[in-house]
Amino acid sequence: MKLIFLGPPGAGKGTIAQRVTDDLGVVQISTGDLLRAAVAEGSDLGKEAKGYMDSGELVPDTLVIDLLKARILKDDCANGFILDGFPRTIPQAEALNQAGVPIEKVINFVVADELIIHRLSGRRIHKATGKIYNVNPDGVPQPPADMDPSELLQRDDDQAEAIANRLVVYADQTEPLIGYYKATGLLVDIEASQQIDLIIADVKQAVGA
């Protein structure tokens, strides 16, 4: 089961991926985790990636895809994977296809901009652990009841103005992937404004699990 999770920031891609990996027997792969792991391993590709990261440059798509190809050959990907946050552009999707990385289904999480701004503006990071919580009454996951609010930090890019800018970038760079993958017959739309358990049920149905 080789999947791409597509959708705007705040659509819940990462949260849903974490919730379904065990049930589907697959591994969640995000670009950030992929790069950090490669650098930590000290592989040739990791050293090359570190050079770009240390100089503040974007890691080239070709290198990211080489890292991805190496990652999906590992034993824990034997049953499949979820690509979370990659590809972000049509050139990346084309490069992924040309590299022979097999994709069986693209799950597109559909959610209104207003709800995204509401969700992301409630997101907080626990300073000590890096875990992400949501302080909105309807937020998922909620911080523990005994957690001091001062332990939680709001990222600059989770403030309303920054979120609006992120949505503009998404519409410009990533949203065209919806049409790209729809033309391949791989795309399935999932309504992501529902309760999380309903979203998970829809994802499992979409992939035949």
N, C-alpha and C. Protein backbone atom coordinates (compact mmCIF):
# COMPACT_ATOMS: atom_id res chain seq x y z
N MET A 1 0.85 -1.18 0.00
CA MET A 1 0.00 0.00 0.00
C MET A 1 0.90 1.24 0.00
N LYS A 2 0.96 1.90 -1.14
CA LYS A 2 1.89 3.02 -1.30
C LYS A 2 1.07 4.27 -1.58
N LEU A 3 1.03 5.17 -0.59
CA LEU A 3 0.08 6.27 -0.59
C LEU A 3 0.76 7.62 -0.52
N ILE A 4 0.10 8.64 -1.08
CA ILE A 4 0.45 10.04 -0.86
C ILE A 4 -0.71 10.69 -0.14
N PHE A 5 -0.41 11.43 0.93
CA PHE A 5 -1.42 12.26 1.60
C PHE A 5 -1.23 13.69 1.13
N LEU A 6 -2.27 14.22 0.50
CA LEU A 6 -2.22 15.55 -0.10
C LEU A 6 -3.27 16.43 0.57
N GLY A 7 -2.95 17.70 0.73
CA GLY A 7 -3.91 18.63 1.32
C GLY A 7 -3.21 19.83 1.88
N PRO A 8 -3.96 20.88 2.17
CA PRO A 8 -3.36 22.12 2.66
C PRO A 8 -2.80 21.97 4.07
N PRO A 9 -1.95 22.91 4.50
CA PRO A 9 -1.48 22.87 5.89
C PRO A 9 -2.69 22.95 6.82
N GLY A 10 -2.68 22.14 7.86
CA GLY A 10 -3.81 22.13 8.79
C GLY A 10 -4.93 21.20 8.42
N ALA A 11 -4.78 20.47 7.31
CA ALA A 11 -5.82 19.52 6.92
C ALA A 11 -5.80 18.26 7.78
N GLY A 12 -4.71 18.05 8.52
CA GLY A 12 -4.63 16.90 9.41
C GLY A 12 -3.87 15.72 8.83
N LYS A 13 -3.10 15.94 7.76
CA LYS A 13 -2.40 14.84 7.09
C LYS A 13 -1.49 14.06 8.05
N GLY A 14 -0.68 14.81 8.80
CA GLY A 14 0.27 14.14 9.70
C GLY A 14 -0.43 13.39 10.81
N THR A 15 -1.46 14.01 11.39
CA THR A 15 -2.21 13.37 12.48
C THR A 15 -2.90 12.10 12.00
N ILE A 16 -3.54 12.17 10.84
CA ILE A 16 -4.23 11.00 10.29
C ILE A 16 -3.22 9.90 9.96
N ALA A 17 -2.09 10.29 9.37
CA ALA A 17 -1.07 9.30 9.03
C ALA A 17 -0.60 8.55 10.27
N GLN A 18 -0.39 9.28 11.37
CA GLN A 18 0.05 8.64 12.61
C GLN A 18 -1.00 7.65 13.12
N ARG A 19 -2.27 8.00 12.92
CA ARG A 19 -3.35 7.16 13.44
C ARG A 19 -3.58 5.90 12.61
N VAL A 20 -3.26 5.92 11.32
CA VAL A 20 -3.60 4.77 10.47
C VAL A 20 -2.41 3.87 10.14
N THR A 21 -1.19 4.29 10.46
CA THR A 21 -0.03 3.48 10.05
C THR A 21 -0.08 2.07 10.64
N ASP A 22 -0.40 1.96 11.92
CA ASP A 22 -0.44 0.64 12.55
C ASP A 22 -1.52 -0.23 11.93
N ASP A 23 -2.71 0.35 11.75
CA ASP A 23 -3.83 -0.42 11.20
C ASP A 23 -3.54 -0.89 9.77
N LEU A 24 -2.85 -0.04 9.00
CA LEU A 24 -2.56 -0.38 7.61
C LEU A 24 -1.25 -1.15 7.46
N GLY A 25 -0.45 -1.18 8.51
CA GLY A 25 0.83 -1.87 8.45
C GLY A 25 1.85 -1.18 7.56
N VAL A 26 1.78 0.16 7.53
CA VAL A 26 2.68 0.95 6.67
C VAL A 26 3.47 1.94 7.52
N VAL A 27 4.38 2.65 6.88
CA VAL A 27 5.25 3.61 7.56
C VAL A 27 4.95 5.02 7.04
N GLN A 28 4.89 5.99 7.95
CA GLN A 28 4.72 7.39 7.57
C GLN A 28 6.09 7.98 7.26
N ILE A 29 6.21 8.63 6.11
CA ILE A 29 7.47 9.26 5.73
C ILE A 29 7.22 10.73 5.42
N SER A 30 7.80 11.61 6.23
CA SER A 30 7.75 13.04 5.92
C SER A 30 9.13 13.47 5.46
N THR A 31 9.17 14.51 4.64
CA THR A 31 10.45 14.97 4.10
C THR A 31 11.41 15.38 5.21
N GLY A 32 10.88 16.10 6.21
CA GLY A 32 11.72 16.54 7.31
C GLY A 32 12.35 15.38 8.06
N ASP A 33 11.53 14.37 8.39
CA ASP A 33 12.04 13.19 9.10
C ASP A 33 13.06 12.45 8.24
N LEU A 34 12.78 12.39 6.95
CA LEU A 34 13.66 11.69 6.01
C LEU A 34 15.05 12.34 6.00
N LEU A 35 15.08 13.66 5.91
CA LEU A 35 16.35 14.38 5.87
C LEU A 35 17.10 14.26 7.19
N ARG A 36 16.37 14.41 8.31
CA ARG A 36 17.03 14.32 9.62
C ARG A 36 17.62 12.94 9.85
N ALA A 37 16.89 11.90 9.45
CA ALA A 37 17.38 10.53 9.64
C ALA A 37 18.61 10.27 8.78
N ALA A 38 18.59 10.76 7.55
CA ALA A 38 19.73 10.54 6.64
C ALA A 38 20.98 11.23 7.17
N VAL A 39 20.80 12.45 7.70
CA VAL A 39 21.94 13.17 8.27
C VAL A 39 22.47 12.44 9.50
N ALA A 40 21.55 11.95 10.36
CA ALA A 40 21.96 11.23 11.56
C ALA A 40 22.71 9.95 11.23
N GLU A 41 22.28 9.27 10.16
CA GLU A 41 22.93 8.01 9.75
C GLU A 41 24.33 8.26 9.19
N GLY A 42 24.54 9.48 8.66
CA GLY A 42 25.84 9.79 8.09
C GLY A 42 26.13 9.10 6.78
N SER A 43 25.07 8.71 6.06
CA SER A 43 25.25 8.08 4.75
C SER A 43 25.78 9.12 3.77
N ASP A 44 26.23 8.63 2.61
CA ASP A 44 26.73 9.57 1.58
C ASP A 44 25.65 10.57 1.20
N LEU A 45 24.42 10.06 1.02
CA LEU A 45 23.31 10.95 0.67
C LEU A 45 23.01 11.91 1.82
N GLY A 46 23.11 11.40 3.05
CA GLY A 46 22.87 12.23 4.23
C GLY A 46 23.90 13.35 4.34
N LYS A 47 25.16 13.03 4.06
CA LYS A 47 26.21 14.05 4.11
C LYS A 47 25.98 15.11 3.04
N GLU A 48 25.53 14.67 1.88
CA GLU A 48 25.24 15.63 0.81
C GLU A 48 24.09 16.54 1.21
N ALA A 49 23.05 15.95 1.80
CA ALA A 49 21.90 16.74 2.25
C ALA A 49 22.31 17.72 3.34
N LYS A 50 23.17 17.27 4.25
CA LYS A 50 23.62 18.13 5.36
C LYS A 50 24.34 19.37 4.83
N GLY A 51 25.10 19.19 3.74
CA GLY A 51 25.80 20.33 3.16
C GLY A 51 24.84 21.43 2.73
N TYR A 52 23.74 21.03 2.11
CA TYR A 52 22.73 22.02 1.70
C TYR A 52 22.05 22.64 2.91
N MET A 53 21.69 21.78 3.88
CA MET A 53 20.96 22.26 5.05
C MET A 53 21.80 23.21 5.89
N ASP A 54 23.09 22.89 6.06
CA ASP A 54 23.98 23.74 6.86
C ASP A 54 24.19 25.11 6.23
N SER A 55 24.11 25.17 4.90
CA SER A 55 24.30 26.44 4.22
C SER A 55 22.99 27.21 4.03
N GLY A 56 21.89 26.62 4.55
CA GLY A 56 20.60 27.29 4.47
C GLY A 56 19.91 27.16 3.14
N GLU A 57 20.41 26.26 2.27
CA GLU A 57 19.80 26.06 0.96
C GLU A 57 18.77 24.94 1.01
N LEU A 58 17.83 24.98 0.06
CA LEU A 58 16.87 23.89 -0.08
C LEU A 58 17.59 22.66 -0.63
N VAL A 59 17.26 21.50 -0.09
CA VAL A 59 17.82 20.26 -0.62
C VAL A 59 17.16 19.99 -1.97
N PRO A 60 17.94 19.77 -3.03
CA PRO A 60 17.36 19.57 -4.37
C PRO A 60 16.39 18.39 -4.41
N ASP A 61 15.36 18.51 -5.26
CA ASP A 61 14.36 17.45 -5.39
C ASP A 61 15.00 16.11 -5.73
N THR A 62 16.00 16.13 -6.59
CA THR A 62 16.63 14.87 -7.00
C THR A 62 17.24 14.15 -5.82
N LEU A 63 17.84 14.90 -4.89
CA LEU A 63 18.45 14.30 -3.71
C LEU A 63 17.38 13.77 -2.76
N VAL A 64 16.31 14.54 -2.58
CA VAL A 64 15.21 14.09 -1.73
C VAL A 64 14.64 12.77 -2.26
N ILE A 65 14.48 12.67 -3.56
CA ILE A 65 13.92 11.46 -4.15
C ILE A 65 14.90 10.29 -4.03
N ASP A 66 16.20 10.56 -4.16
CA ASP A 66 17.19 9.50 -3.94
C ASP A 66 17.11 8.99 -2.50
N LEU A 67 16.96 9.90 -1.55
CA LEU A 67 16.81 9.51 -0.14
C LEU A 67 15.53 8.70 0.05
N LEU A 68 14.46 9.12 -0.61
CA LEU A 68 13.18 8.43 -0.50
C LEU A 68 13.28 7.02 -1.07
N LYS A 69 13.93 6.88 -2.22
CA LYS A 69 14.09 5.56 -2.83
C LYS A 69 14.86 4.63 -1.91
N ALA A 70 15.90 5.15 -1.25
CA ALA A 70 16.67 4.35 -0.31
C ALA A 70 15.83 3.98 0.91
N ARG A 71 15.00 4.94 1.35
CA ARG A 71 14.19 4.71 2.56
C ARG A 71 13.15 3.62 2.34
N ILE A 72 12.50 3.61 1.18
CA ILE A 72 11.41 2.65 0.99
C ILE A 72 11.91 1.23 0.71
N LEU A 73 13.22 1.08 0.56
CA LEU A 73 13.80 -0.26 0.41
C LEU A 73 14.03 -0.92 1.77
N LYS A 74 13.90 -0.16 2.85
CA LYS A 74 14.14 -0.73 4.18
C LYS A 74 13.00 -1.66 4.57
N ASP A 75 13.33 -2.59 5.48
CA ASP A 75 12.39 -3.66 5.83
C ASP A 75 11.05 -3.15 6.35
N ASP A 76 11.07 -2.03 7.10
CA ASP A 76 9.81 -1.57 7.70
C ASP A 76 8.84 -1.01 6.67
N CYS A 77 9.32 -0.81 5.43
CA CYS A 77 8.43 -0.34 4.36
C CYS A 77 7.93 -1.49 3.48
N ALA A 78 8.16 -2.72 3.92
CA ALA A 78 7.80 -3.87 3.10
C ALA A 78 6.31 -3.89 2.75
N ASN A 79 5.46 -3.42 3.68
CA ASN A 79 4.02 -3.42 3.42
C ASN A 79 3.53 -2.12 2.83
N GLY A 80 4.43 -1.13 2.69
CA GLY A 80 4.03 0.13 2.08
C GLY A 80 4.38 1.34 2.92
N PHE A 81 3.92 2.50 2.46
CA PHE A 81 4.28 3.76 3.12
C PHE A 81 3.24 4.82 2.80
N ILE A 82 3.27 5.87 3.63
CA ILE A 82 2.48 7.08 3.38
C ILE A 82 3.47 8.23 3.22
N LEU A 83 3.46 8.90 2.07
CA LEU A 83 4.26 10.10 1.88
C LEU A 83 3.43 11.29 2.38
N ASP A 84 3.93 11.94 3.42
CA ASP A 84 3.23 13.04 4.06
C ASP A 84 3.98 14.34 3.76
N GLY A 85 3.42 15.17 2.88
CA GLY A 85 4.04 16.45 2.57
C GLY A 85 4.99 16.43 1.39
N PHE A 86 5.02 15.35 0.67
CA PHE A 86 5.83 15.25 -0.56
C PHE A 86 5.11 14.32 -1.52
N PRO A 87 5.00 14.69 -2.78
CA PRO A 87 5.50 15.90 -3.43
C PRO A 87 4.67 17.14 -3.10
N ARG A 88 5.31 18.31 -3.25
CA ARG A 88 4.64 19.59 -3.02
C ARG A 88 4.36 20.34 -4.32
N THR A 89 5.00 19.92 -5.41
CA THR A 89 4.84 20.60 -6.69
C THR A 89 4.71 19.56 -7.81
N ILE A 90 4.19 19.99 -8.96
CA ILE A 90 4.08 19.08 -10.10
C ILE A 90 5.46 18.59 -10.56
N PRO A 91 6.50 19.45 -10.64
CA PRO A 91 7.82 18.93 -11.00
C PRO A 91 8.30 17.83 -10.04
N GLN A 92 8.02 17.97 -8.74
CA GLN A 92 8.39 16.92 -7.80
C GLN A 92 7.61 15.63 -8.07
N ALA A 93 6.32 15.76 -8.39
CA ALA A 93 5.50 14.59 -8.69
C ALA A 93 6.00 13.89 -9.95
N GLU A 94 6.38 14.69 -10.96
CA GLU A 94 6.90 14.11 -12.19
C GLU A 94 8.23 13.41 -11.95
N ALA A 95 9.07 14.03 -11.12
CA ALA A 95 10.36 13.42 -10.80
C ALA A 95 10.17 12.13 -10.02
N LEU A 96 9.19 12.12 -9.13
CA LEU A 96 8.87 10.91 -8.36
C LEU A 96 8.45 9.79 -9.29
N ASN A 97 7.62 10.12 -10.26
CA ASN A 97 7.16 9.14 -11.24
C ASN A 97 8.30 8.63 -12.11
N GLN A 98 9.15 9.56 -12.57
CA GLN A 98 10.28 9.18 -13.42
C GLN A 98 11.30 8.33 -12.67
N ALA A 99 11.36 8.52 -11.35
CA ALA A 99 12.30 7.74 -10.53
C ALA A 99 11.77 6.33 -10.26
N GLY A 100 10.54 6.06 -10.67
CA GLY A 100 9.99 4.73 -10.50
C GLY A 100 9.47 4.43 -9.12
N VAL A 101 9.18 5.50 -8.32
CA VAL A 101 8.60 5.28 -6.99
C VAL A 101 7.12 4.98 -7.18
N PRO A 102 6.67 3.77 -6.81
CA PRO A 102 5.30 3.38 -7.10
C PRO A 102 4.29 4.04 -6.16
N ILE A 103 3.24 4.61 -6.70
CA ILE A 103 2.16 5.19 -5.91
C ILE A 103 0.85 4.55 -6.34
N GLU A 104 0.09 4.05 -5.35
CA GLU A 104 -1.16 3.34 -5.67
C GLU A 104 -2.40 4.20 -5.45
N LYS A 105 -2.30 5.17 -4.53
CA LYS A 105 -3.46 6.00 -4.23
C LYS A 105 -2.99 7.33 -3.66
N VAL A 106 -3.69 8.41 -4.04
CA VAL A 106 -3.41 9.74 -3.51
C VAL A 106 -4.66 10.20 -2.76
N ILE A 107 -4.52 10.37 -1.45
CA ILE A 107 -5.65 10.80 -0.62
C ILE A 107 -5.58 12.31 -0.47
N ASN A 108 -6.59 13.01 -0.99
CA ASN A 108 -6.64 14.47 -0.94
C ASN A 108 -7.62 14.91 0.14
N PHE A 109 -7.08 15.54 1.20
CA PHE A 109 -7.91 15.98 2.32
C PHE A 109 -8.47 17.38 2.02
N VAL A 110 -9.79 17.45 1.93
CA VAL A 110 -10.48 18.68 1.53
C VAL A 110 -11.02 19.38 2.77
N VAL A 111 -10.63 20.66 2.93
CA VAL A 111 -11.10 21.42 4.09
C VAL A 111 -11.06 22.91 3.75
N ALA A 112 -12.05 23.66 4.24
CA ALA A 112 -12.17 25.10 3.94
C ALA A 112 -11.05 25.89 4.63
N ASP A 113 -10.64 26.98 3.98
CA ASP A 113 -9.57 27.82 4.54
C ASP A 113 -9.90 28.32 5.95
N GLU A 114 -11.17 28.68 6.18
CA GLU A 114 -11.56 29.22 7.49
C GLU A 114 -11.29 28.21 8.60
N LEU A 115 -11.57 26.95 8.33
CA LEU A 115 -11.36 25.90 9.33
C LEU A 115 -9.86 25.66 9.53
N ILE A 116 -9.10 25.75 8.46
CA ILE A 116 -7.64 25.58 8.57
C ILE A 116 -7.05 26.64 9.48
N ILE A 117 -7.46 27.90 9.27
CA ILE A 117 -6.95 28.99 10.10
C ILE A 117 -7.34 28.76 11.56
N HIS A 118 -8.56 28.31 11.79
CA HIS A 118 -9.01 28.01 13.15
C HIS A 118 -8.16 26.90 13.78
N ARG A 119 -7.95 25.84 13.03
CA ARG A 119 -7.19 24.71 13.56
C ARG A 119 -5.74 25.09 13.88
N LEU A 120 -5.07 25.70 12.90
CA LEU A 120 -3.64 25.97 13.06
C LEU A 120 -3.38 27.05 14.10
N SER A 121 -4.28 28.00 14.22
CA SER A 121 -4.07 29.06 15.22
C SER A 121 -4.20 28.51 16.64
N GLY A 122 -4.78 27.32 16.79
CA GLY A 122 -4.87 26.69 18.10
C GLY A 122 -3.75 25.70 18.38
N ARG A 123 -2.85 25.52 17.41
CA ARG A 123 -1.79 24.52 17.57
C ARG A 123 -0.68 25.05 18.48
N ARG A 124 -0.20 24.22 19.37
CA ARG A 124 0.87 24.57 20.29
C ARG A 124 1.88 23.42 20.37
N ILE A 125 3.13 23.78 20.63
CA ILE A 125 4.20 22.79 20.77
C ILE A 125 4.65 22.74 22.22
N HIS A 126 4.73 21.54 22.78
CA HIS A 126 5.22 21.38 24.14
C HIS A 126 6.73 21.60 24.13
N LYS A 127 7.19 22.59 24.89
CA LYS A 127 8.59 23.00 24.85
C LYS A 127 9.54 21.85 25.18
N ALA A 128 9.17 21.03 26.15
CA ALA A 128 10.08 19.99 26.64
C ALA A 128 10.18 18.80 25.70
N THR A 129 9.05 18.42 25.09
CA THR A 129 9.02 17.17 24.31
C THR A 129 8.88 17.38 22.81
N GLY A 130 8.43 18.58 22.39
CA GLY A 130 8.19 18.81 20.98
C GLY A 130 6.87 18.27 20.49
N LYS A 131 6.09 17.65 21.39
CA LYS A 131 4.78 17.13 20.99
C LYS A 131 3.83 18.27 20.65
N ILE A 132 2.96 17.99 19.67
CA ILE A 132 2.02 19.02 19.21
C ILE A 132 0.64 18.77 19.80
N TYR A 133 0.06 19.82 20.36
CA TYR A 133 -1.30 19.77 20.89
C TYR A 133 -2.13 20.88 20.23
N ASN A 134 -3.45 20.86 20.50
CA ASN A 134 -4.31 21.91 19.99
C ASN A 134 -5.19 22.40 21.13
N VAL A 135 -5.11 23.71 21.42
CA VAL A 135 -5.79 24.26 22.59
C VAL A 135 -7.23 24.68 22.28
N ASN A 136 -7.65 24.60 21.03
CA ASN A 136 -9.06 24.88 20.73
C ASN A 136 -9.94 23.86 21.42
N PRO A 137 -11.16 24.24 21.82
CA PRO A 137 -12.07 23.28 22.46
C PRO A 137 -12.31 22.02 21.62
N ASP A 138 -12.29 22.19 20.29
CA ASP A 138 -12.50 21.05 19.40
C ASP A 138 -11.18 20.53 18.83
N GLY A 139 -10.06 20.98 19.39
CA GLY A 139 -8.75 20.61 18.87
C GLY A 139 -8.35 19.18 19.20
N VAL A 140 -7.54 18.60 18.30
CA VAL A 140 -7.02 17.24 18.48
C VAL A 140 -5.54 17.25 18.14
N PRO A 141 -4.70 16.66 19.05
CA PRO A 141 -5.04 16.18 20.39
C PRO A 141 -5.02 17.31 21.41
N GLN A 142 -5.82 17.16 22.44
CA GLN A 142 -5.85 18.14 23.52
C GLN A 142 -4.61 17.98 24.41
N PRO A 143 -4.08 19.09 24.96
CA PRO A 143 -3.01 18.95 25.94
C PRO A 143 -3.54 18.30 27.21
N PRO A 144 -2.71 17.58 27.95
CA PRO A 144 -3.17 16.98 29.21
C PRO A 144 -3.75 18.04 30.14
N ALA A 145 -4.76 17.68 30.89
CA ALA A 145 -5.47 18.63 31.75
C ALA A 145 -4.55 19.28 32.77
N ASP A 146 -3.51 18.55 33.20
CA ASP A 146 -2.63 19.09 34.24
C ASP A 146 -1.42 19.83 33.67
N MET A 147 -1.39 20.05 32.36
CA MET A 147 -0.25 20.72 31.74
C MET A 147 -0.39 22.24 31.89
N ASP A 148 0.67 22.88 32.34
CA ASP A 148 0.68 24.33 32.50
C ASP A 148 0.74 24.98 31.12
N PRO A 149 -0.17 25.93 30.82
CA PRO A 149 -0.14 26.58 29.50
C PRO A 149 1.20 27.22 29.16
N SER A 150 1.98 27.60 30.17
CA SER A 150 3.27 28.23 29.91
C SER A 150 4.27 27.24 29.31
N GLU A 151 3.95 25.94 29.38
CA GLU A 151 4.82 24.92 28.79
C GLU A 151 4.62 24.81 27.29
N LEU A 152 3.60 25.49 26.77
CA LEU A 152 3.24 25.37 25.37
C LEU A 152 3.65 26.63 24.60
N LEU A 153 4.15 26.42 23.39
CA LEU A 153 4.64 27.50 22.55
C LEU A 153 3.88 27.53 21.22
N GLN A 154 3.49 28.72 20.78
CA GLN A 154 2.88 28.87 19.46
C GLN A 154 3.95 29.27 18.45
N ARG A 155 4.09 28.50 17.38
CA ARG A 155 5.05 28.85 16.34
C ARG A 155 4.60 30.11 15.61
N ASP A 156 5.59 30.87 15.13
CA ASP A 156 5.26 32.09 14.39
C ASP A 156 4.40 31.79 13.17
N ASP A 157 4.66 30.65 12.50
CA ASP A 157 3.91 30.36 11.28
C ASP A 157 2.54 29.75 11.56
N ASP A 158 2.17 29.64 12.85
CA ASP A 158 0.82 29.20 13.21
C ASP A 158 -0.05 30.37 13.66
N GLN A 159 0.44 31.59 13.45
CA GLN A 159 -0.38 32.76 13.72
C GLN A 159 -1.17 33.11 12.47
N ALA A 160 -2.32 33.76 12.67
CA ALA A 160 -3.32 33.89 11.60
C ALA A 160 -2.76 34.47 10.30
N GLU A 161 -1.97 35.53 10.37
CA GLU A 161 -1.45 36.16 9.16
C GLU A 161 -0.51 35.22 8.41
N ALA A 162 0.33 34.52 9.18
CA ALA A 162 1.27 33.59 8.57
C ALA A 162 0.54 32.41 7.93
N ILE A 163 -0.54 31.95 8.59
CA ILE A 163 -1.32 30.84 8.03
C ILE A 163 -1.92 31.24 6.69
N ALA A 164 -2.46 32.45 6.63
CA ALA A 164 -3.05 32.94 5.38
C ALA A 164 -2.00 32.94 4.27
N ASN A 165 -0.77 33.34 4.59
CA ASN A 165 0.31 33.34 3.60
C ASN A 165 0.64 31.91 3.17
N ARG A 166 0.65 30.98 4.12
CA ARG A 166 0.93 29.58 3.80
C ARG A 166 -0.12 29.01 2.85
N LEU A 167 -1.36 29.43 3.04
CA LEU A 167 -2.44 28.96 2.17
C LEU A 167 -2.30 29.51 0.75
N VAL A 168 -1.80 30.74 0.64
CA VAL A 168 -1.54 31.31 -0.69
C VAL A 168 -0.46 30.51 -1.40
N VAL A 169 0.60 30.17 -0.67
CA VAL A 169 1.70 29.37 -1.24
C VAL A 169 1.18 27.99 -1.65
N TYR A 170 0.35 27.39 -0.79
CA TYR A 170 -0.23 26.07 -1.12
C TYR A 170 -1.06 26.14 -2.40
N ALA A 171 -1.90 27.14 -2.51
CA ALA A 171 -2.76 27.28 -3.69
C ALA A 171 -1.93 27.44 -4.95
N ASP A 172 -0.82 28.14 -4.83
CA ASP A 172 0.03 28.42 -5.98
C ASP A 172 0.88 27.22 -6.38
N GLN A 173 1.48 26.56 -5.39
CA GLN A 173 2.48 25.53 -5.69
C GLN A 173 1.93 24.10 -5.63
N THR A 174 1.08 23.81 -4.64
CA THR A 174 0.72 22.41 -4.36
C THR A 174 -0.66 22.03 -4.86
N GLU A 175 -1.60 22.96 -4.83
CA GLU A 175 -2.97 22.65 -5.25
C GLU A 175 -3.05 22.11 -6.68
N PRO A 176 -2.17 22.56 -7.61
CA PRO A 176 -2.22 21.98 -8.96
C PRO A 176 -2.02 20.46 -8.99
N LEU A 177 -1.45 19.90 -7.91
CA LEU A 177 -1.28 18.44 -7.86
C LEU A 177 -2.62 17.71 -7.84
N ILE A 178 -3.66 18.38 -7.37
CA ILE A 178 -4.98 17.74 -7.33
C ILE A 178 -5.40 17.35 -8.75
N GLY A 179 -5.30 18.30 -9.67
CA GLY A 179 -5.64 18.00 -11.07
C GLY A 179 -4.69 17.00 -11.68
N TYR A 180 -3.42 17.13 -11.33
CA TYR A 180 -2.39 16.22 -11.87
C TYR A 180 -2.71 14.77 -11.51
N TYR A 181 -3.01 14.53 -10.24
CA TYR A 181 -3.27 13.15 -9.82
C TYR A 181 -4.69 12.69 -10.18
N LYS A 182 -5.62 13.63 -10.30
CA LYS A 182 -6.97 13.25 -10.74
C LYS A 182 -6.90 12.68 -12.15
N ALA A 183 -6.04 13.27 -12.98
CA ALA A 183 -5.89 12.80 -14.36
C ALA A 183 -5.31 11.40 -14.43
N THR A 184 -4.59 10.99 -13.39
CA THR A 184 -4.01 9.64 -13.37
C THR A 184 -4.99 8.60 -12.85
N GLY A 185 -6.10 9.05 -12.27
CA GLY A 185 -7.07 8.13 -11.70
C GLY A 185 -6.72 7.66 -10.31
N LEU A 186 -5.67 8.24 -9.71
CA LEU A 186 -5.22 7.79 -8.38
C LEU A 186 -5.86 8.58 -7.25
N LEU A 187 -6.47 9.73 -7.54
CA LEU A 187 -6.91 10.66 -6.50
C LEU A 187 -8.24 10.26 -5.89
N VAL A 188 -8.30 10.34 -4.56
CA VAL A 188 -9.55 10.16 -3.82
C VAL A 188 -9.70 11.34 -2.87
N ASP A 189 -10.83 12.06 -2.96
CA ASP A 189 -11.10 13.18 -2.05
C ASP A 189 -11.70 12.66 -0.75
N ILE A 190 -11.20 13.19 0.36
CA ILE A 190 -11.74 12.88 1.69
C ILE A 190 -12.14 14.19 2.36
N GLU A 191 -13.37 14.26 2.86
CA GLU A 191 -13.83 15.45 3.56
C GLU A 191 -13.15 15.50 4.94
N ALA A 192 -12.27 16.52 5.12
CA ALA A 192 -11.43 16.56 6.32
C ALA A 192 -11.95 17.50 7.39
N SER A 193 -13.20 17.97 7.24
CA SER A 193 -13.78 18.79 8.29
C SER A 193 -14.60 17.95 9.28
N GLN A 194 -14.65 16.64 9.04
CA GLN A 194 -15.40 15.73 9.91
C GLN A 194 -14.63 15.46 11.20
N GLN A 195 -15.28 14.74 12.10
CA GLN A 195 -14.58 14.23 13.28
C GLN A 195 -13.48 13.28 12.82
N ILE A 196 -12.40 13.23 13.59
CA ILE A 196 -11.22 12.49 13.16
C ILE A 196 -11.50 11.01 12.93
N ASP A 197 -12.36 10.41 13.75
CA ASP A 197 -12.65 8.98 13.57
C ASP A 197 -13.36 8.71 12.25
N LEU A 198 -14.19 9.66 11.82
CA LEU A 198 -14.88 9.50 10.53
C LEU A 198 -13.90 9.67 9.37
N ILE A 199 -12.95 10.60 9.52
CA ILE A 199 -11.93 10.78 8.48
C ILE A 199 -11.12 9.50 8.34
N ILE A 200 -10.71 8.94 9.47
CA ILE A 200 -9.92 7.70 9.45
C ILE A 200 -10.69 6.57 8.78
N ALA A 201 -11.98 6.47 9.09
CA ALA A 201 -12.82 5.43 8.47
C ALA A 201 -12.88 5.62 6.97
N ASP A 202 -13.00 6.87 6.52
CA ASP A 202 -13.06 7.15 5.08
C ASP A 202 -11.74 6.81 4.40
N VAL A 203 -10.62 7.11 5.07
CA VAL A 203 -9.31 6.79 4.50
C VAL A 203 -9.17 5.28 4.33
N LYS A 204 -9.55 4.54 5.35
CA LYS A 204 -9.43 3.07 5.29
C LYS A 204 -10.30 2.51 4.17
N GLN A 205 -11.49 3.06 4.03
CA GLN A 205 -12.39 2.61 2.95
C GLN A 205 -11.78 2.92 1.60
N ALA A 206 -11.17 4.11 1.47
CA ALA A 206 -10.61 4.55 0.20
C ALA A 206 -9.46 3.65 -0.25
N VAL A 207 -8.71 3.11 0.71
CA VAL A 207 -7.55 2.28 0.35
C VAL A 207 -7.88 0.79 0.43
N GLY A 208 -9.16 0.49 0.72
CA GLY A 208 -9.56 -0.92 0.73
C GLY A 208 -9.12 -1.68 1.95
N ALA A 209 -8.95 -0.96 3.07
CA ALA A 209 -8.50 -1.62 4.31
C ALA A 209 -9.68 -1.99 5.19
